[in-house]
Amino acid sequence: MTAEETQRLLLRNGTVLDVESGRYVEADVRCDAGRIVEIGPGLKVGGEVPVVDLDGATVLPGLIDAHVHLTAATADLAGLTSWSPVYVTAHATRIMAGMLERGFTTVRDASGAEYGLAAAQAEGLIRGPRVFFCGRALTQTGGHGDMRGRGEQVWDHHPTCAGMDRIADGVDAVRTAARDELRKGAHHLKVHASGGVASPTDRIDSTQYSLPELVAVVEEAEAANRYVAAHAYTAKAVSRALVAGIRTIEHGNLIDESNVAEFLERDAYLVPTLVTYWAMHRDGIANGLPEASWRKGEQVLEAGLSALELAHRGGVRIAFGTDLLGGLHRLQKEEFRIRREVQQPLDIVRSATTTAAALLRREGELGVVAVGALADLLVLDGDPLSDITVLTEAKHLRYVVQGGTVVHRRP
């Protein structure tokens, strides 16, 4: 049987969600060559096409997580740099399989993954979600991606090492680093525009990279028809990043009202990652998170929901992200449960489907159940628009379809 033949499938008698309208329709979904080719009642197929009768079960687009770290096999990111890349890849294959089994058919890696991991998944060597990658994130000396302790002087960020970031200082150096990641096929670039939780020597409330440095990275990305994502927490750091032309803000836990207008004016995206702070607070130490980072996480835990509410109320485009590390990846779907404190279920579903697809510039191809889209689908027992926790519990997930093939089914 050829690869295209294995990507033929008919899902019969489903209750299909149109994410944009928020309405359900009873229909069959026919897939061929990895894409959806027909939607409607009573579809006919030949005897060689596998048919799955859903008996009214809910059909959703495959989920998209717009902020993951596939190679973050431990929460001790400084220690990760000394691991064998082969060993890290072995961990990444397990992490990716878990994401697929939770219903995430596509992910955007926010530093660590590179072209080899994405190619291995695309060729079927690794079982996991489609990978949009940035390679290594750019950081200034002493920035969020500089994992050296105060007493360490040597920084070895050779490409064969297992790190997630690269240091570049000054406009010329950041241009070179940006061009190098683009040379290796990066779908987007990432910069650290503020301090963070996992880094040992910076403050969360610091701003990082000068405005000319940020603008230089944006110019290089736009020259290659790519875009820039920025790690940023505070209102000041977010504002500088948006002024520089950065398209997506990661985290944004400490934004204020002034940022909302800036997001809207520049048509930018916010990617909150609330579950990572909750998970680190609960289980971070046991998964390798240094105590100093655990304490910093407390500073942004409570602020995250307020920032999400502020952005949601203001009409900012909000995508789904998790940012989990090490053994905490298993808690990925808890982000749905946390966001229900602020958002309605349909808004949360859109954040992980249509909005995330637009962020990836894959509208109409990902995040929708529509003719011509990639045949990435979830089959659920239950209605996530009535109860979003249907998406958080494995017992409700009947099938995961990726590229027209059933890649996971409930035991």
Foldseek 3Di string as FASTA:
>chain_A
DDPQLQLWEKEAQEFEAFLVVRHTDGWIWTTTQQFTADIGHPDDDDPSGYYDYQNHFYKFFQFEAAEEALLQQFLQQLVQQPDQPVVSVVSSLVLFQLQVLLRHQEYEYQWQDFDVSQVCVVVPVGDGHRYQYQYAAEFAVLAQQNQDAPPDDDDDPPVRTRHGHDYADDQVRLLVVLVVSVVRPHQAYEYEQAHALQHHGGALPGGGDDLSNLLSSQVSQVVVPHAYEYEHAAQVSLLSNLVSPHAEYEANLHHDLVVLVSLVVSVHEYEHAQQQLVLCLPCVVVRPRDPSSNVSSVVRNVSRLVRVLSNVVSVHLYAYHHHHGRPCSSQRLCSLVVNVVRDQQSSHLCNGAQSSCVVSVNHPATRGSDRPHRPWMWTFHDDCNVPVCSSVDSVGTAFTAGSSHTPDGRD
